Amino acid sequence: MAKYCGKIGYAVSEETSPGVWEEKITEREYYGELIKNTRKLASGENLNDDITVANDVSIVADPFAMEHFYQIRYAVLYSVKWKVSDVEVKSPRLILRLGGVYNG
């Protein structure tokens, strides 16, 4: 298994003015392993095919990650922000399944 070191982006809700909440992205760095490393081309209505990955990344979770795993939006892999499509809790680790490119 390949080693992983990268940033994970969380969407944390913050109150910007009384009664108004907005999501703010907070990045934190984690270490772990790249369990599965695959690529898919998805033909769509666009001129070019969409590139998606079906990678599984296992990170060693800190208390923040365990409490906020449902707020994970993306993981940085190969200098690209990839959407996290699924998170599996296997304490003390989180298994992140990556999908398409994150455009948020």
PDB file of N, CA and C in Angstrom:
ATOM      1  N   MET A   1       0.828  -1.185   0.000  1.00  0.00           N
ATOM      2  CA  MET A   1       0.000   0.000   0.000  1.00  0.00           C
ATOM      3  C   MET A   1       0.873   1.249   0.000  1.00  0.00           C
ATOM      4  N   ALA A   2       0.437   2.227  -0.763  1.00  0.00           N
ATOM      5  CA  ALA A   2       1.151   3.499  -0.820  1.00  0.00           C
ATOM      6  C   ALA A   2       0.772   4.364   0.374  1.00  0.00           C
ATOM      7  N   LYS A   3       1.697   5.163   0.809  1.00  0.00           N
ATOM      8  CA  LYS A   3       1.442   6.080   1.924  1.00  0.00           C
ATOM      9  C   LYS A   3       0.701   7.318   1.417  1.00  0.00           C
ATOM     10  N   TYR A   4      -0.089   7.908   2.295  1.00  0.00           N
ATOM     11  CA  TYR A   4      -0.850   9.113   1.964  1.00  0.00           C
ATOM     12  C   TYR A   4      -0.532  10.202   2.974  1.00  0.00           C
ATOM     13  N   CYS A   5      -0.319  11.398   2.485  1.00  0.00           N
ATOM     14  CA  CYS A   5      -0.186  12.591   3.322  1.00  0.00           C
ATOM     15  C   CYS A   5      -0.838  13.717   2.537  1.00  0.00           C
ATOM     16  N   GLY A   6      -1.924  14.250   3.079  1.00  0.00           N
ATOM     17  CA  GLY A   6      -2.622  15.297   2.348  1.00  0.00           C
ATOM     18  C   GLY A   6      -3.642  16.007   3.200  1.00  0.00           C
ATOM     19  N   LYS A   7      -4.271  16.988   2.594  1.00  0.00           N
ATOM     20  CA  LYS A   7      -5.256  17.805   3.302  1.00  0.00           C
ATOM     21  C   LYS A   7      -6.658  17.273   3.046  1.00  0.00           C
ATOM     22  N   ILE A   8      -7.475  17.370   4.087  1.00  0.00           N
ATOM     23  CA  ILE A   8      -8.879  17.002   4.020  1.00  0.00           C
ATOM     24  C   ILE A   8      -9.674  18.279   4.275  1.00  0.00           C
ATOM     25  N   GLY A   9     -10.667  18.545   3.435  1.00  0.00           N
ATOM     26  CA  GLY A   9     -11.479  19.750   3.574  1.00  0.00           C
ATOM     27  C   GLY A   9     -12.809  19.463   4.241  1.00  0.00           C
ATOM     28  N   TYR A  10     -13.113  20.227   5.276  1.00  0.00           N
ATOM     29  CA  TYR A  10     -14.369  20.108   6.019  1.00  0.00           C
ATOM     30  C   TYR A  10     -15.215  21.347   5.760  1.00  0.00           C
ATOM     31  N   ALA A  11     -16.530  21.176   5.619  1.00  0.00           N
ATOM     32  CA  ALA A  11     -17.456  22.300   5.504  1.00  0.00           C
ATOM     33  C   ALA A  11     -18.065  22.532   6.879  1.00  0.00           C
ATOM     34  N   VAL A  12     -17.559  23.532   7.587  1.00  0.00           N
ATOM     35  CA  VAL A  12     -18.009  23.846   8.943  1.00  0.00           C
ATOM     36  C   VAL A  12     -18.954  25.040   8.868  1.00  0.00           C
ATOM     37  N   SER A  13     -20.141  24.900   9.453  1.00  0.00           N
ATOM     38  CA  SER A  13     -21.127  25.990   9.443  1.00  0.00           C
ATOM     39  C   SER A  13     -20.752  27.052  10.464  1.00  0.00           C
ATOM     40  N   GLU A  14     -20.794  28.310  10.023  1.00  0.00           N
ATOM     41  CA  GLU A  14     -20.506  29.439  10.903  1.00  0.00           C
ATOM     42  C   GLU A  14     -21.599  30.482  10.740  1.00  0.00           C
ATOM     43  N   GLU A  15     -21.938  31.144  11.838  1.00  0.00           N
ATOM     44  CA  GLU A  15     -22.947  32.195  11.803  1.00  0.00           C
ATOM     45  C   GLU A  15     -22.265  33.501  11.401  1.00  0.00           C
ATOM     46  N   THR A  16     -22.607  34.008  10.205  1.00  0.00           N
ATOM     47  CA  THR A  16     -21.979  35.230   9.702  1.00  0.00           C
ATOM     48  C   THR A  16     -22.674  36.481  10.223  1.00  0.00           C
ATOM     49  N   SER A  17     -23.965  36.399  10.428  1.00  0.00           N
ATOM     50  CA  SER A  17     -24.746  37.462  11.062  1.00  0.00           C
ATOM     51  C   SER A  17     -25.911  36.775  11.775  1.00  0.00           C
ATOM     52  N   PRO A  18     -26.596  37.458  12.649  1.00  0.00           N
ATOM     53  CA  PRO A  18     -27.655  36.795  13.418  1.00  0.00           C
ATOM     54  C   PRO A  18     -28.670  36.065  12.530  1.00  0.00           C
ATOM     55  N   GLY A  19     -28.746  34.753  12.692  1.00  0.00           N
ATOM     56  CA  GLY A  19     -29.683  33.932  11.940  1.00  0.00           C
ATOM     57  C   GLY A  19     -29.215  33.508  10.564  1.00  0.00           C
ATOM     58  N   VAL A  20     -28.022  33.928  10.135  1.00  0.00           N
ATOM     59  CA  VAL A  20     -27.496  33.572   8.816  1.00  0.00           C
ATOM     60  C   VAL A  20     -26.278  32.674   8.998  1.00  0.00           C
ATOM     61  N   TRP A  21     -26.378  31.448   8.465  1.00  0.00           N
ATOM     62  CA  TRP A  21     -25.294  30.468   8.581  1.00  0.00           C
ATOM     63  C   TRP A  21     -24.726  30.186   7.200  1.00  0.00           C
ATOM     64  N   GLU A  22     -23.415  30.109   7.107  1.00  0.00           N
ATOM     65  CA  GLU A  22     -22.736  29.771   5.859  1.00  0.00           C
ATOM     66  C   GLU A  22     -21.693  28.703   6.130  1.00  0.00           C
ATOM     67  N   GLU A  23     -21.442  27.890   5.088  1.00  0.00           N
ATOM     68  CA  GLU A  23     -20.410  26.868   5.215  1.00  0.00           C
ATOM     69  C   GLU A  23     -19.052  27.473   4.883  1.00  0.00           C
ATOM     70  N   LYS A  24     -18.083  27.227   5.747  1.00  0.00           N
ATOM     71  CA  LYS A  24     -16.710  27.675   5.529  1.00  0.00           C
ATOM     72  C   LYS A  24     -15.834  26.431   5.471  1.00  0.00           C
ATOM     73  N   ILE A  25     -14.977  26.355   4.469  1.00  0.00           N
ATOM     74  CA  ILE A  25     -14.101  25.196   4.319  1.00  0.00           C
ATOM     75  C   ILE A  25     -12.894  25.353   5.232  1.00  0.00           C
ATOM     76  N   THR A  26     -12.648  24.316   6.027  1.00  0.00           N
ATOM     77  CA  THR A  26     -11.491  24.249   6.913  1.00  0.00           C
ATOM     78  C   THR A  26     -10.659  23.046   6.489  1.00  0.00           C
ATOM     79  N   GLU A  27      -9.369  23.254   6.260  1.00  0.00           N
ATOM     80  CA  GLU A  27      -8.487  22.159   5.853  1.00  0.00           C
ATOM     81  C   GLU A  27      -7.633  21.696   7.023  1.00  0.00           C
ATOM     82  N   ARG A  28      -7.449  20.384   7.089  1.00  0.00           N
ATOM     83  CA  ARG A  28      -6.570  19.791   8.098  1.00  0.00           C
ATOM     84  C   ARG A  28      -5.735  18.716   7.400  1.00  0.00           C
ATOM     85  N   GLU A  29      -4.491  18.551   7.846  1.00  0.00           N
ATOM     86  CA  GLU A  29      -3.591  17.579   7.222  1.00  0.00           C
ATOM     87  C   GLU A  29      -3.630  16.254   7.973  1.00  0.00           C
ATOM     88  N   TYR A  30      -3.640  15.159   7.186  1.00  0.00           N
ATOM     89  CA  TYR A  30      -3.701  13.816   7.761  1.00  0.00           C
ATOM     90  C   TYR A  30      -2.710  12.896   7.059  1.00  0.00           C
ATOM     91  N   TYR A  31      -2.371  11.827   7.766  1.00  0.00           N
ATOM     92  CA  TYR A  31      -1.502  10.779   7.239  1.00  0.00           C
ATOM     93  C   TYR A  31      -2.283   9.478   7.197  1.00  0.00           C
ATOM     94  N   GLY A  32      -1.906   8.604   6.280  1.00  0.00           N
ATOM     95  CA  GLY A  32      -2.573   7.319   6.194  1.00  0.00           C
ATOM     96  C   GLY A  32      -2.028   6.511   5.036  1.00  0.00           C
ATOM     97  N   GLU A  33      -2.914   5.718   4.427  1.00  0.00           N
ATOM     98  CA  GLU A  33      -2.518   4.835   3.334  1.00  0.00           C
ATOM     99  C   GLU A  33      -3.526   4.927   2.197  1.00  0.00           C
ATOM    100  N   LEU A  34      -3.015   4.787   0.981  1.00  0.00           N
ATOM    101  CA  LEU A  34      -3.855   4.715  -0.205  1.00  0.00           C
ATOM    102  C   LEU A  34      -4.163   3.239  -0.427  1.00  0.00           C
ATOM    103  N   ILE A  35      -5.394   2.841  -0.135  1.00  0.00           N
ATOM    104  CA  ILE A  35      -5.768   1.425  -0.176  1.00  0.00           C
ATOM    105  C   ILE A  35      -6.031   0.962  -1.601  1.00  0.00           C
ATOM    106  N   LYS A  36      -6.795   1.759  -2.345  1.00  0.00           N
ATOM    107  CA  LYS A  36      -7.152   1.404  -3.717  1.00  0.00           C
ATOM    108  C   LYS A  36      -6.904   2.617  -4.594  1.00  0.00           C
ATOM    109  N   ASN A  37      -6.293   2.418  -5.759  1.00  0.00           N
ATOM    110  CA  ASN A  37      -5.933   3.516  -6.646  1.00  0.00           C
ATOM    111  C   ASN A  37      -6.401   3.179  -8.061  1.00  0.00           C
ATOM    112  N   THR A  38      -7.591   3.667  -8.444  1.00  0.00           N
ATOM    113  CA  THR A  38      -8.138   3.387  -9.768  1.00  0.00           C
ATOM    114  C   THR A  38      -8.685   4.664 -10.397  1.00  0.00           C
ATOM    115  N   ARG A  39      -8.899   4.615 -11.704  1.00  0.00           N
ATOM    116  CA  ARG A  39      -9.413   5.754 -12.463  1.00  0.00           C
ATOM    117  C   ARG A  39     -10.549   5.281 -13.356  1.00  0.00           C
ATOM    118  N   LYS A  40     -11.536   6.183 -13.589  1.00  0.00           N
ATOM    119  CA  LYS A  40     -12.653   5.875 -14.484  1.00  0.00           C
ATOM    120  C   LYS A  40     -12.864   7.049 -15.430  1.00  0.00           C
ATOM    121  N   LEU A  41     -13.248   6.751 -16.656  1.00  0.00           N
ATOM    122  CA  LEU A  41     -13.678   7.780 -17.598  1.00  0.00           C
ATOM    123  C   LEU A  41     -15.183   7.648 -17.742  1.00  0.00           C
ATOM    124  N   ALA A  42     -15.903   8.721 -17.499  1.00  0.00           N
ATOM    125  CA  ALA A  42     -17.357   8.702 -17.585  1.00  0.00           C
ATOM    126  C   ALA A  42     -17.789   9.516 -18.800  1.00  0.00           C
ATOM    127  N   SER A  43     -18.373   8.837 -19.783  1.00  0.00           N
ATOM    128  CA  SER A  43     -18.881   9.534 -20.959  1.00  0.00           C
ATOM    129  C   SER A  43     -20.177  10.227 -20.592  1.00  0.00           C
ATOM    130  N   GLY A  44     -20.267  11.471 -20.951  1.00  0.00           N
ATOM    131  CA  GLY A  44     -21.465  12.242 -20.631  1.00  0.00           C
ATOM    132  C   GLY A  44     -21.886  13.079 -21.813  1.00  0.00           C
ATOM    133  N   GLU A  45     -22.639  14.115 -21.539  1.00  0.00           N
ATOM    134  CA  GLU A  45     -23.115  15.002 -22.587  1.00  0.00           C
ATOM    135  C   GLU A  45     -22.079  16.048 -22.964  1.00  0.00           C
ATOM    136  N   ASN A  46     -20.968  16.070 -22.264  1.00  0.00           N
ATOM    137  CA  ASN A  46     -19.915  17.045 -22.534  1.00  0.00           C
ATOM    138  C   ASN A  46     -19.067  16.600 -23.712  1.00  0.00           C
ATOM    139  N   LEU A  47     -18.311  17.529 -24.246  1.00  0.00           N
ATOM    140  CA  LEU A  47     -17.411  17.219 -25.347  1.00  0.00           C
ATOM    141  C   LEU A  47     -16.316  16.262 -24.891  1.00  0.00           C
ATOM    142  N   ASN A  48     -15.773  16.520 -23.703  1.00  0.00           N
ATOM    143  CA  ASN A  48     -14.719  15.672 -23.150  1.00  0.00           C
ATOM    144  C   ASN A  48     -15.291  14.772 -22.063  1.00  0.00           C
ATOM    145  N   ASP A  49     -14.710  13.591 -21.927  1.00  0.00           N
ATOM    146  CA  ASP A  49     -15.131  12.675 -20.873  1.00  0.00           C
ATOM    147  C   ASP A  49     -14.742  13.235 -19.507  1.00  0.00           C
ATOM    148  N   ASP A  50     -15.553  12.935 -18.496  1.00  0.00           N
ATOM    149  CA  ASP A  50     -15.248  13.330 -17.130  1.00  0.00           C
ATOM    150  C   ASP A  50     -14.329  12.291 -16.506  1.00  0.00           C
ATOM    151  N   ILE A  51     -13.273  12.749 -15.851  1.00  0.00           N
ATOM    152  CA  ILE A  51     -12.356  11.846 -15.165  1.00  0.00           C
ATOM    153  C   ILE A  51     -12.785  11.750 -13.714  1.00  0.00           C
ATOM    154  N   THR A  52     -12.965  10.541 -13.259  1.00  0.00           N
ATOM    155  CA  THR A  52     -13.261  10.308 -11.851  1.00  0.00           C
ATOM    156  C   THR A  52     -12.301   9.246 -11.346  1.00  0.00           C
ATOM    157  N   VAL A  53     -12.125   9.229 -10.055  1.00  0.00           N
ATOM    158  CA  VAL A  53     -11.300   8.197  -9.444  1.00  0.00           C
ATOM    159  C   VAL A  53     -12.188   7.374  -8.522  1.00  0.00           C
ATOM    160  N   ALA A  54     -11.769   6.175  -8.258  1.00  0.00           N
ATOM    161  CA  ALA A  54     -12.480   5.318  -7.312  1.00  0.00           C
ATOM    162  C   ALA A  54     -11.459   4.857  -6.282  1.00  0.00           C
ATOM    163  N   ASN A  55     -10.800   5.830  -5.677  1.00  0.00           N
ATOM    164  CA  ASN A  55      -9.737   5.543  -4.719  1.00  0.00           C
ATOM    165  C   ASN A  55     -10.296   5.437  -3.313  1.00  0.00           C
ATOM    166  N   ASP A  56      -9.671   4.598  -2.513  1.00  0.00           N
ATOM    167  CA  ASP A  56      -9.962   4.510  -1.088  1.00  0.00           C
ATOM    168  C   ASP A  56      -8.719   4.963  -0.338  1.00  0.00           C
ATOM    169  N   VAL A  57      -8.903   5.942   0.547  1.00  0.00           N
ATOM    170  CA  VAL A  57      -7.813   6.457   1.367  1.00  0.00           C
ATOM    171  C   VAL A  57      -8.163   6.196   2.820  1.00  0.00           C
ATOM    172  N   SER A  58      -7.253   5.563   3.539  1.00  0.00           N
ATOM    173  CA  SER A  58      -7.440   5.307   4.967  1.00  0.00           C
ATOM    174  C   SER A  58      -6.573   6.301   5.725  1.00  0.00           C
ATOM    175  N   ILE A  59      -7.223   7.141   6.561  1.00  0.00           N
ATOM    176  CA  ILE A  59      -6.463   8.121   7.340  1.00  0.00           C
ATOM    177  C   ILE A  59      -6.548   7.785   8.823  1.00  0.00           C
ATOM    178  N   VAL A  60      -5.502   8.136   9.544  1.00  0.00           N
ATOM    179  CA  VAL A  60      -5.516   8.018  10.998  1.00  0.00           C
ATOM    180  C   VAL A  60      -6.269   9.242  11.511  1.00  0.00           C
ATOM    181  N   ALA A  61      -7.425   9.006  12.122  1.00  0.00           N
ATOM    182  CA  ALA A  61      -8.322  10.099  12.505  1.00  0.00           C
ATOM    183  C   ALA A  61      -7.980  10.652  13.880  1.00  0.00           C
ATOM    184  N   ASP A  62      -8.017  11.971  13.974  1.00  0.00           N
ATOM    185  CA  ASP A  62      -7.892  12.635  15.267  1.00  0.00           C
ATOM    186  C   ASP A  62      -9.308  12.854  15.823  1.00  0.00           C
ATOM    187  N   PRO A  63      -9.445  13.356  17.044  1.00  0.00           N
ATOM    188  CA  PRO A  63     -10.789  13.570  17.602  1.00  0.00           C
ATOM    189  C   PRO A  63     -11.669  14.484  16.738  1.00  0.00           C
ATOM    190  N   PHE A  64     -11.077  15.500  16.098  1.00  0.00           N
ATOM    191  CA  PHE A  64     -11.858  16.385  15.223  1.00  0.00           C
ATOM    192  C   PHE A  64     -12.456  15.601  14.055  1.00  0.00           C
ATOM    193  N   ALA A  65     -11.655  14.737  13.435  1.00  0.00           N
ATOM    194  CA  ALA A  65     -12.132  13.952  12.294  1.00  0.00           C
ATOM    195  C   ALA A  65     -13.246  12.999  12.707  1.00  0.00           C
ATOM    196  N   MET A  66     -13.123  12.389  13.879  1.00  0.00           N
ATOM    197  CA  MET A  66     -14.157  11.462  14.344  1.00  0.00           C
ATOM    198  C   MET A  66     -15.470  12.187  14.635  1.00  0.00           C
ATOM    199  N   GLU A  67     -15.393  13.405  15.134  1.00  0.00           N
ATOM    200  CA  GLU A  67     -16.603  14.160  15.462  1.00  0.00           C
ATOM    201  C   GLU A  67     -17.241  14.819  14.242  1.00  0.00           C
ATOM    202  N   HIS A  68     -16.438  15.103  13.212  1.00  0.00           N
ATOM    203  CA  HIS A  68     -16.935  15.861  12.061  1.00  0.00           C
ATOM    204  C   HIS A  68     -16.797  15.098  10.743  1.00  0.00           C
ATOM    205  N   PHE A  69     -16.783  13.767  10.776  1.00  0.00           N
ATOM    206  CA  PHE A  69     -16.582  13.010   9.538  1.00  0.00           C
ATOM    207  C   PHE A  69     -17.700  13.258   8.524  1.00  0.00           C
ATOM    208  N   TYR A  70     -18.887  13.591   8.995  1.00  0.00           N
ATOM    209  CA  TYR A  70     -20.018  13.848   8.095  1.00  0.00           C
ATOM    210  C   TYR A  70     -19.869  15.182   7.363  1.00  0.00           C
ATOM    211  N   GLN A  71     -18.923  16.022   7.764  1.00  0.00           N
ATOM    212  CA  GLN A  71     -18.705  17.317   7.122  1.00  0.00           C
ATOM    213  C   GLN A  71     -17.544  17.296   6.128  1.00  0.00           C
ATOM    214  N   ILE A  72     -16.932  16.138   5.909  1.00  0.00           N
ATOM    215  CA  ILE A  72     -15.806  16.050   4.976  1.00  0.00           C
ATOM    216  C   ILE A  72     -16.329  16.234   3.557  1.00  0.00           C
ATOM    217  N   ARG A  73     -15.725  17.160   2.820  1.00  0.00           N
ATOM    218  CA  ARG A  73     -16.144  17.452   1.449  1.00  0.00           C
ATOM    219  C   ARG A  73     -15.142  16.964   0.405  1.00  0.00           C
ATOM    220  N   TYR A  74     -13.830  17.095   0.699  1.00  0.00           N
ATOM    221  CA  TYR A  74     -12.839  16.700  -0.302  1.00  0.00           C
ATOM    222  C   TYR A  74     -11.552  16.242   0.365  1.00  0.00           C
ATOM    223  N   ALA A  75     -10.743  15.552  -0.442  1.00  0.00           N
ATOM    224  CA  ALA A  75      -9.397  15.143  -0.033  1.00  0.00           C
ATOM    225  C   ALA A  75      -8.453  15.513  -1.167  1.00  0.00           C
ATOM    226  N   VAL A  76      -7.279  15.998  -0.815  1.00  0.00           N
ATOM    227  CA  VAL A  76      -6.283  16.363  -1.822  1.00  0.00           C
ATOM    228  C   VAL A  76      -5.400  15.148  -2.087  1.00  0.00           C
ATOM    229  N   LEU A  77      -5.374  14.730  -3.350  1.00  0.00           N
ATOM    230  CA  LEU A  77      -4.562  13.593  -3.783  1.00  0.00           C
ATOM    231  C   LEU A  77      -3.956  13.951  -5.132  1.00  0.00           C
ATOM    232  N   TYR A  78      -2.649  13.822  -5.283  1.00  0.00           N
ATOM    233  CA  TYR A  78      -1.932  14.192  -6.507  1.00  0.00           C
ATOM    234  C   TYR A  78      -2.181  15.661  -6.863  1.00  0.00           C
ATOM    235  N   SER A  79      -2.215  16.538  -5.863  1.00  0.00           N
ATOM    236  CA  SER A  79      -2.394  17.989  -6.022  1.00  0.00           C
ATOM    237  C   SER A  79      -3.755  18.376  -6.596  1.00  0.00           C
ATOM    238  N   VAL A  80      -4.736  17.486  -6.516  1.00  0.00           N
ATOM    239  CA  VAL A  80      -6.094  17.754  -6.996  1.00  0.00           C
ATOM    240  C   VAL A  80      -7.060  17.515  -5.844  1.00  0.00           C
ATOM    241  N   LYS A  81      -8.072  18.379  -5.737  1.00  0.00           N
ATOM    242  CA  LYS A  81      -9.111  18.185  -4.723  1.00  0.00           C
ATOM    243  C   LYS A  81     -10.182  17.260  -5.296  1.00  0.00           C
ATOM    244  N   TRP A  82     -10.347  16.074  -4.668  1.00  0.00           N
ATOM    245  CA  TRP A  82     -11.331  15.084  -5.100  1.00  0.00           C
ATOM    246  C   TRP A  82     -12.484  15.038  -4.109  1.00  0.00           C
ATOM    247  N   LYS A  83     -13.719  14.943  -4.614  1.00  0.00           N
ATOM    248  CA  LYS A  83     -14.899  14.833  -3.758  1.00  0.00           C
ATOM    249  C   LYS A  83     -14.834  13.547  -2.952  1.00  0.00           C
ATOM    250  N   VAL A  84     -15.208  13.627  -1.693  1.00  0.00           N
ATOM    251  CA  VAL A  84     -15.329  12.430  -0.862  1.00  0.00           C
ATOM    252  C   VAL A  84     -16.779  11.983  -0.973  1.00  0.00           C
ATOM    253  N   SER A  85     -16.994  10.817  -1.599  1.00  0.00           N
ATOM    254  CA  SER A  85     -18.352  10.337  -1.832  1.00  0.00           C
ATOM    255  C   SER A  85     -18.876   9.490  -0.685  1.00  0.00           C
ATOM    256  N   ASP A  86     -17.973   8.923   0.122  1.00  0.00           N
ATOM    257  CA  ASP A  86     -18.398   8.020   1.186  1.00  0.00           C
ATOM    258  C   ASP A  86     -17.326   8.001   2.267  1.00  0.00           C
ATOM    259  N   VAL A  87     -17.755   7.954   3.519  1.00  0.00           N
ATOM    260  CA  VAL A  87     -16.826   7.858   4.647  1.00  0.00           C
ATOM    261  C   VAL A  87     -17.240   6.670   5.502  1.00  0.00           C
ATOM    262  N   GLU A  88     -16.301   5.783   5.761  1.00  0.00           N
ATOM    263  CA  GLU A  88     -16.547   4.619   6.614  1.00  0.00           C
ATOM    264  C   GLU A  88     -15.705   4.765   7.876  1.00  0.00           C
ATOM    265  N   VAL A  89     -16.347   4.633   9.026  1.00  0.00           N
ATOM    266  CA  VAL A  89     -15.650   4.769  10.306  1.00  0.00           C
ATOM    267  C   VAL A  89     -15.170   3.397  10.750  1.00  0.00           C
ATOM    268  N   LYS A  90     -13.860   3.241  10.874  1.00  0.00           N
ATOM    269  CA  LYS A  90     -13.225   2.038  11.419  1.00  0.00           C
ATOM    270  C   LYS A  90     -12.189   2.531  12.414  1.00  0.00           C
ATOM    271  N   SER A  91     -12.678   2.866  13.594  1.00  0.00           N
ATOM    272  CA  SER A  91     -11.851   3.504  14.612  1.00  0.00           C
ATOM    273  C   SER A  91     -10.555   2.734  14.847  1.00  0.00           C
ATOM    274  N   PRO A  92      -9.415   3.362  14.863  1.00  0.00           N
ATOM    275  CA  PRO A  92      -9.113   4.793  14.883  1.00  0.00           C
ATOM    276  C   PRO A  92      -8.924   5.392  13.495  1.00  0.00           C
ATOM    277  N   ARG A  93      -9.440   4.753  12.469  1.00  0.00           N
ATOM    278  CA  ARG A  93      -9.252   5.233  11.098  1.00  0.00           C
ATOM    279  C   ARG A  93     -10.575   5.623  10.462  1.00  0.00           C
ATOM    280  N   LEU A  94     -10.480   6.433   9.417  1.00  0.00           N
ATOM    281  CA  LEU A  94     -11.604   6.730   8.542  1.00  0.00           C
ATOM    282  C   LEU A  94     -11.211   6.294   7.137  1.00  0.00           C
ATOM    283  N   ILE A  95     -12.105   5.580   6.464  1.00  0.00           N
ATOM    284  CA  ILE A  95     -11.881   5.171   5.081  1.00  0.00           C
ATOM    285  C   ILE A  95     -12.663   6.144   4.202  1.00  0.00           C
ATOM    286  N   LEU A  96     -11.956   6.895   3.371  1.00  0.00           N
ATOM    287  CA  LEU A  96     -12.571   7.882   2.482  1.00  0.00           C
ATOM    288  C   LEU A  96     -12.606   7.328   1.070  1.00  0.00           C
ATOM    289  N   ARG A  97     -13.780   7.322   0.450  1.00  0.00           N
ATOM    290  CA  ARG A  97     -13.917   6.908  -0.940  1.00  0.00           C
ATOM    291  C   ARG A  97     -14.038   8.169  -1.783  1.00  0.00           C
ATOM    292  N   LEU A  98     -13.146   8.292  -2.750  1.00  0.00           N
ATOM    293  CA  LEU A  98     -13.077   9.506  -3.561  1.00  0.00           C
ATOM    294  C   LEU A  98     -13.824   9.320  -4.869  1.00  0.00           C
ATOM    295  N   GLY A  99     -14.332  10.428  -5.418  1.00  0.00           N
ATOM    296  CA  GLY A  99     -15.077  10.396  -6.668  1.00  0.00           C
ATOM    297  C   GLY A  99     -14.506  11.387  -7.660  1.00  0.00           C
ATOM    298  N   GLY A 100     -15.350  12.283  -8.156  1.00  0.00           N
ATOM    299  CA  GLY A 100     -14.939  13.257  -9.161  1.00  0.00           C
ATOM    300  C   GLY A 100     -14.182  14.430  -8.571  1.00  0.00           C
ATOM    301  N   VAL A 101     -13.796  15.333  -9.439  1.00  0.00           N
ATOM    302  CA  VAL A 101     -13.059  16.525  -9.032  1.00  0.00           C
ATOM    303  C   VAL A 101     -13.991  17.443  -8.245  1.00  0.00           C
ATOM    304  N   TYR A 102     -13.485  17.992  -7.148  1.00  0.00           N
ATOM    305  CA  TYR A 102     -14.253  18.908  -6.296  1.00  0.00           C
ATOM    306  C   TYR A 102     -14.193  20.306  -6.891  1.00  0.00           C
ATOM    307  N   ASN A 103     -15.348  20.914  -7.099  1.00  0.00           N
ATOM    308  CA  ASN A 103     -15.413  22.248  -7.702  1.00  0.00           C
ATOM    309  C   ASN A 103     -15.984  23.292  -6.760  1.00  0.00           C
ATOM    310  N   GLY A 104     -15.899  23.078  -5.460  1.00  0.00           N
ATOM    311  CA  GLY A 104     -16.542  23.980  -4.506  1.00  0.00           C
ATOM    312  C   GLY A 104     -15.753  25.149  -4.097  1.00  0.00           C
TER     313      GLY A 104
END
